[in-house]
């Protein structure tokens, strides 16, 4: 039996942080696999904050909720500028 007068220690593993681009790739793939239009669904989520726009398939909804929506917009805009506007 444990002595309840002593402090108990718990070791919790730190969750690996994923890059926004990796989260978007996983979410895009999950939405595509389920037959959704991934662009429309991601835009709906970013604009409203409603996680039901994202399927729970392959843990996509949980993953995207770990990223701030403004970080998603920033990542998409940076990639657009890099590929379309930079010469």
N, C-alpha and C. Protein backbone atom coordinates (compact mmCIF):
# COMPACT_ATOMS: atom_id res chain seq x y z
N UNK A 1 0.84 -1.19 0.00
CA UNK A 1 0.00 0.00 0.00
C UNK A 1 0.88 1.24 0.00
N UNK A 2 0.46 2.25 -0.75
CA UNK A 2 1.24 3.48 -0.86
C UNK A 2 1.08 4.34 0.38
N UNK A 3 2.15 5.04 0.71
CA UNK A 3 2.10 5.99 1.81
C UNK A 3 1.54 7.29 1.28
N UNK A 4 0.37 7.70 1.72
CA UNK A 4 -0.30 8.89 1.20
C UNK A 4 0.25 10.18 1.79
N UNK A 5 1.22 10.07 2.69
CA UNK A 5 1.82 11.26 3.28
C UNK A 5 2.97 11.78 2.43
N UNK A 6 3.42 11.01 1.46
CA UNK A 6 4.52 11.41 0.59
C UNK A 6 4.00 11.97 -0.72
N UNK A 7 4.77 12.86 -1.29
CA UNK A 7 4.41 13.41 -2.59
C UNK A 7 4.55 12.33 -3.65
N UNK A 8 3.55 12.24 -4.51
CA UNK A 8 3.57 11.28 -5.59
C UNK A 8 4.14 11.95 -6.84
N UNK A 9 4.98 11.25 -7.58
CA UNK A 9 5.57 11.77 -8.79
C UNK A 9 4.99 11.06 -9.99
N UNK A 10 4.67 11.84 -11.02
CA UNK A 10 4.17 11.29 -12.27
C UNK A 10 5.09 11.76 -13.38
N UNK A 11 5.45 10.86 -14.24
CA UNK A 11 6.25 11.23 -15.40
C UNK A 11 5.34 11.24 -16.60
N UNK A 12 5.23 12.40 -17.22
CA UNK A 12 4.37 12.56 -18.39
C UNK A 12 5.27 12.85 -19.58
N UNK A 13 5.10 12.06 -20.62
CA UNK A 13 5.89 12.26 -21.83
C UNK A 13 5.40 13.51 -22.54
N UNK A 14 6.34 14.33 -22.99
CA UNK A 14 5.99 15.51 -23.75
C UNK A 14 5.52 15.11 -25.14
N UNK A 15 4.46 15.75 -25.58
CA UNK A 15 3.92 15.48 -26.90
C UNK A 15 4.81 16.15 -27.95
N UNK A 16 5.13 15.43 -29.00
CA UNK A 16 5.94 16.00 -30.06
C UNK A 16 5.15 17.10 -30.77
N UNK A 17 5.81 18.22 -30.99
CA UNK A 17 5.15 19.31 -31.69
C UNK A 17 5.29 19.09 -33.20
N UNK A 18 4.19 19.27 -33.87
CA UNK A 18 4.19 19.12 -35.32
C UNK A 18 4.22 20.50 -35.96
N UNK A 19 4.84 20.56 -37.12
CA UNK A 19 4.84 21.80 -37.88
C UNK A 19 3.46 21.98 -38.50
N UNK A 20 3.10 23.24 -38.71
CA UNK A 20 1.80 23.56 -39.30
C UNK A 20 1.66 22.90 -40.67
N UNK A 21 2.72 22.91 -41.46
CA UNK A 21 2.65 22.31 -42.79
C UNK A 21 2.38 20.81 -42.72
N UNK A 22 2.91 20.14 -41.70
CA UNK A 22 2.65 18.71 -41.53
C UNK A 22 1.20 18.45 -41.13
N UNK A 23 0.69 19.28 -40.24
CA UNK A 23 -0.72 19.16 -39.83
C UNK A 23 -1.63 19.37 -41.04
N UNK A 24 -1.35 20.40 -41.82
CA UNK A 24 -2.18 20.67 -43.00
C UNK A 24 -2.13 19.51 -44.00
N UNK A 25 -0.97 18.91 -44.16
CA UNK A 25 -0.84 17.78 -45.09
C UNK A 25 -1.68 16.59 -44.62
N UNK A 26 -1.64 16.31 -43.33
CA UNK A 26 -2.42 15.19 -42.78
C UNK A 26 -3.91 15.47 -42.89
N UNK A 27 -4.31 16.69 -42.56
CA UNK A 27 -5.73 17.07 -42.63
C UNK A 27 -6.21 17.02 -44.08
N UNK A 28 -5.42 17.55 -45.00
CA UNK A 28 -5.77 17.54 -46.42
C UNK A 28 -5.99 16.10 -46.90
N UNK A 29 -5.07 15.22 -46.56
CA UNK A 29 -5.18 13.82 -46.97
C UNK A 29 -6.42 13.15 -46.37
N UNK A 30 -6.68 13.39 -45.10
CA UNK A 30 -7.84 12.79 -44.44
C UNK A 30 -9.14 13.26 -45.08
N UNK A 31 -9.23 14.56 -45.36
CA UNK A 31 -10.43 15.09 -46.01
C UNK A 31 -10.62 14.51 -47.40
N UNK A 32 -9.53 14.38 -48.14
CA UNK A 32 -9.58 13.81 -49.48
C UNK A 32 -10.04 12.36 -49.42
N UNK A 33 -9.47 11.59 -48.49
CA UNK A 33 -9.85 10.17 -48.35
C UNK A 33 -11.33 10.00 -48.04
N UNK A 34 -11.89 10.94 -47.30
CA UNK A 34 -13.31 10.84 -46.95
C UNK A 34 -14.23 11.44 -48.01
N UNK A 35 -13.65 11.97 -49.10
CA UNK A 35 -14.46 12.47 -50.20
C UNK A 35 -14.88 13.92 -50.07
N UNK A 36 -14.29 14.67 -49.14
CA UNK A 36 -14.62 16.08 -48.99
C UNK A 36 -13.71 16.93 -49.88
N UNK A 37 -14.15 18.14 -50.14
CA UNK A 37 -13.30 19.11 -50.82
C UNK A 37 -12.42 19.75 -49.73
N UNK A 38 -11.14 19.38 -49.68
CA UNK A 38 -10.30 19.83 -48.57
C UNK A 38 -10.13 21.34 -48.48
N UNK A 39 -10.08 22.02 -49.62
CA UNK A 39 -9.93 23.48 -49.59
C UNK A 39 -11.14 24.12 -48.94
N UNK A 40 -12.33 23.73 -49.38
CA UNK A 40 -13.56 24.29 -48.80
C UNK A 40 -13.65 24.01 -47.30
N UNK A 41 -13.32 22.80 -46.90
CA UNK A 41 -13.44 22.42 -45.50
C UNK A 41 -12.43 23.16 -44.62
N UNK A 42 -11.20 23.29 -45.10
CA UNK A 42 -10.19 24.00 -44.31
C UNK A 42 -10.52 25.49 -44.22
N UNK A 43 -10.98 26.08 -45.32
CA UNK A 43 -11.40 27.48 -45.29
C UNK A 43 -12.56 27.66 -44.31
N UNK A 44 -13.52 26.77 -44.34
CA UNK A 44 -14.64 26.84 -43.39
C UNK A 44 -14.16 26.80 -41.96
N UNK A 45 -13.22 25.93 -41.68
CA UNK A 45 -12.67 25.83 -40.32
C UNK A 45 -11.92 27.10 -39.94
N UNK A 46 -11.07 27.60 -40.82
CA UNK A 46 -10.28 28.79 -40.51
C UNK A 46 -11.19 30.00 -40.29
N UNK A 47 -12.21 30.15 -41.11
CA UNK A 47 -13.10 31.30 -41.01
C UNK A 47 -13.99 31.25 -39.78
N UNK A 48 -14.47 30.06 -39.42
CA UNK A 48 -15.45 29.96 -38.34
C UNK A 48 -14.89 29.46 -37.02
N UNK A 49 -13.82 28.69 -37.09
CA UNK A 49 -13.30 28.07 -35.87
C UNK A 49 -14.07 26.82 -35.48
N UNK A 50 -15.03 26.43 -36.28
CA UNK A 50 -15.86 25.25 -36.00
C UNK A 50 -15.11 23.99 -36.43
N UNK A 51 -14.69 23.15 -35.48
CA UNK A 51 -13.90 21.97 -35.83
C UNK A 51 -14.67 20.90 -36.59
N UNK A 52 -15.99 21.01 -36.65
CA UNK A 52 -16.75 19.99 -37.38
C UNK A 52 -16.56 20.09 -38.89
N UNK A 53 -15.91 21.16 -39.36
CA UNK A 53 -15.55 21.22 -40.77
C UNK A 53 -14.48 20.18 -41.12
N UNK A 54 -13.75 19.71 -40.10
CA UNK A 54 -12.65 18.79 -40.31
C UNK A 54 -13.05 17.40 -39.83
N UNK A 55 -12.84 16.41 -40.67
CA UNK A 55 -13.17 15.03 -40.33
C UNK A 55 -12.31 14.55 -39.16
N UNK A 56 -12.85 13.62 -38.40
CA UNK A 56 -12.06 13.02 -37.33
C UNK A 56 -11.22 11.85 -37.87
N UNK A 57 -11.41 11.52 -39.14
CA UNK A 57 -10.65 10.45 -39.79
C UNK A 57 -9.15 10.71 -39.64
N UNK A 58 -8.40 9.70 -39.27
CA UNK A 58 -6.94 9.79 -39.06
C UNK A 58 -6.54 10.88 -38.07
N UNK A 59 -7.45 11.16 -37.12
CA UNK A 59 -7.17 12.12 -36.04
C UNK A 59 -6.99 13.55 -36.56
N UNK A 60 -7.50 13.84 -37.75
CA UNK A 60 -7.30 15.14 -38.38
C UNK A 60 -7.89 16.28 -37.56
N UNK A 61 -9.07 16.09 -37.02
CA UNK A 61 -9.73 17.17 -36.26
C UNK A 61 -8.92 17.50 -35.01
N UNK A 62 -8.48 16.50 -34.33
CA UNK A 62 -7.68 16.71 -33.12
C UNK A 62 -6.38 17.43 -33.45
N UNK A 63 -5.74 17.04 -34.54
CA UNK A 63 -4.48 17.66 -34.93
C UNK A 63 -4.64 19.13 -35.28
N UNK A 64 -5.66 19.44 -36.08
CA UNK A 64 -5.81 20.83 -36.53
C UNK A 64 -6.19 21.75 -35.38
N UNK A 65 -6.83 21.21 -34.37
CA UNK A 65 -7.21 22.03 -33.22
C UNK A 65 -6.01 22.36 -32.33
N UNK A 66 -4.89 21.68 -32.53
CA UNK A 66 -3.68 21.98 -31.76
C UNK A 66 -2.88 23.13 -32.37
N UNK A 67 -3.32 23.60 -33.53
CA UNK A 67 -2.65 24.69 -34.24
C UNK A 67 -3.57 25.89 -34.21
N UNK A 68 -3.00 27.05 -33.93
CA UNK A 68 -3.80 28.28 -33.96
C UNK A 68 -4.22 28.59 -35.39
N UNK A 69 -5.44 29.08 -35.54
CA UNK A 69 -5.94 29.37 -36.89
C UNK A 69 -5.12 30.43 -37.60
N UNK A 70 -4.62 31.42 -36.87
CA UNK A 70 -3.80 32.43 -37.51
C UNK A 70 -2.48 31.84 -38.01
N UNK A 71 -1.97 30.79 -37.35
CA UNK A 71 -0.77 30.11 -37.83
C UNK A 71 -1.04 29.38 -39.14
N UNK A 72 -2.25 28.86 -39.29
CA UNK A 72 -2.63 28.19 -40.53
C UNK A 72 -2.67 29.20 -41.67
N UNK A 73 -3.30 30.35 -41.43
CA UNK A 73 -3.37 31.39 -42.46
C UNK A 73 -1.96 31.86 -42.80
N UNK A 74 -1.13 32.05 -41.80
CA UNK A 74 0.25 32.50 -42.04
C UNK A 74 1.01 31.50 -42.90
N UNK A 75 0.89 30.22 -42.59
CA UNK A 75 1.59 29.18 -43.36
C UNK A 75 1.12 29.16 -44.81
N UNK A 76 -0.17 29.24 -45.02
CA UNK A 76 -0.72 29.21 -46.37
C UNK A 76 -0.28 30.44 -47.15
N UNK A 77 -0.31 31.61 -46.51
CA UNK A 77 0.08 32.84 -47.18
C UNK A 77 1.58 32.84 -47.51
N UNK A 78 2.40 32.38 -46.58
CA UNK A 78 3.84 32.30 -46.85
C UNK A 78 4.13 31.39 -48.03
N UNK A 79 3.47 30.26 -48.08
CA UNK A 79 3.69 29.32 -49.19
C UNK A 79 3.21 29.92 -50.51
N UNK A 80 2.08 30.60 -50.47
CA UNK A 80 1.58 31.25 -51.68
C UNK A 80 2.57 32.30 -52.19
N UNK A 81 3.05 33.14 -51.29
CA UNK A 81 4.01 34.18 -51.67
C UNK A 81 5.28 33.56 -52.22
N UNK A 82 5.75 32.51 -51.56
CA UNK A 82 6.99 31.85 -51.99
C UNK A 82 6.86 31.25 -53.38
N UNK A 83 5.72 30.63 -53.67
CA UNK A 83 5.57 29.92 -54.94
C UNK A 83 5.01 30.79 -56.06
N UNK A 84 4.20 31.77 -55.74
CA UNK A 84 3.53 32.55 -56.79
C UNK A 84 4.12 33.93 -57.01
N UNK A 85 4.65 34.55 -55.98
CA UNK A 85 5.05 35.95 -56.11
C UNK A 85 6.55 36.18 -56.10
N UNK A 86 7.28 35.29 -55.48
CA UNK A 86 8.74 35.45 -55.43
C UNK A 86 9.37 34.99 -56.73
N UNK A 87 10.32 35.76 -57.20
CA UNK A 87 10.97 35.39 -58.46
C UNK A 87 12.44 35.38 -58.31
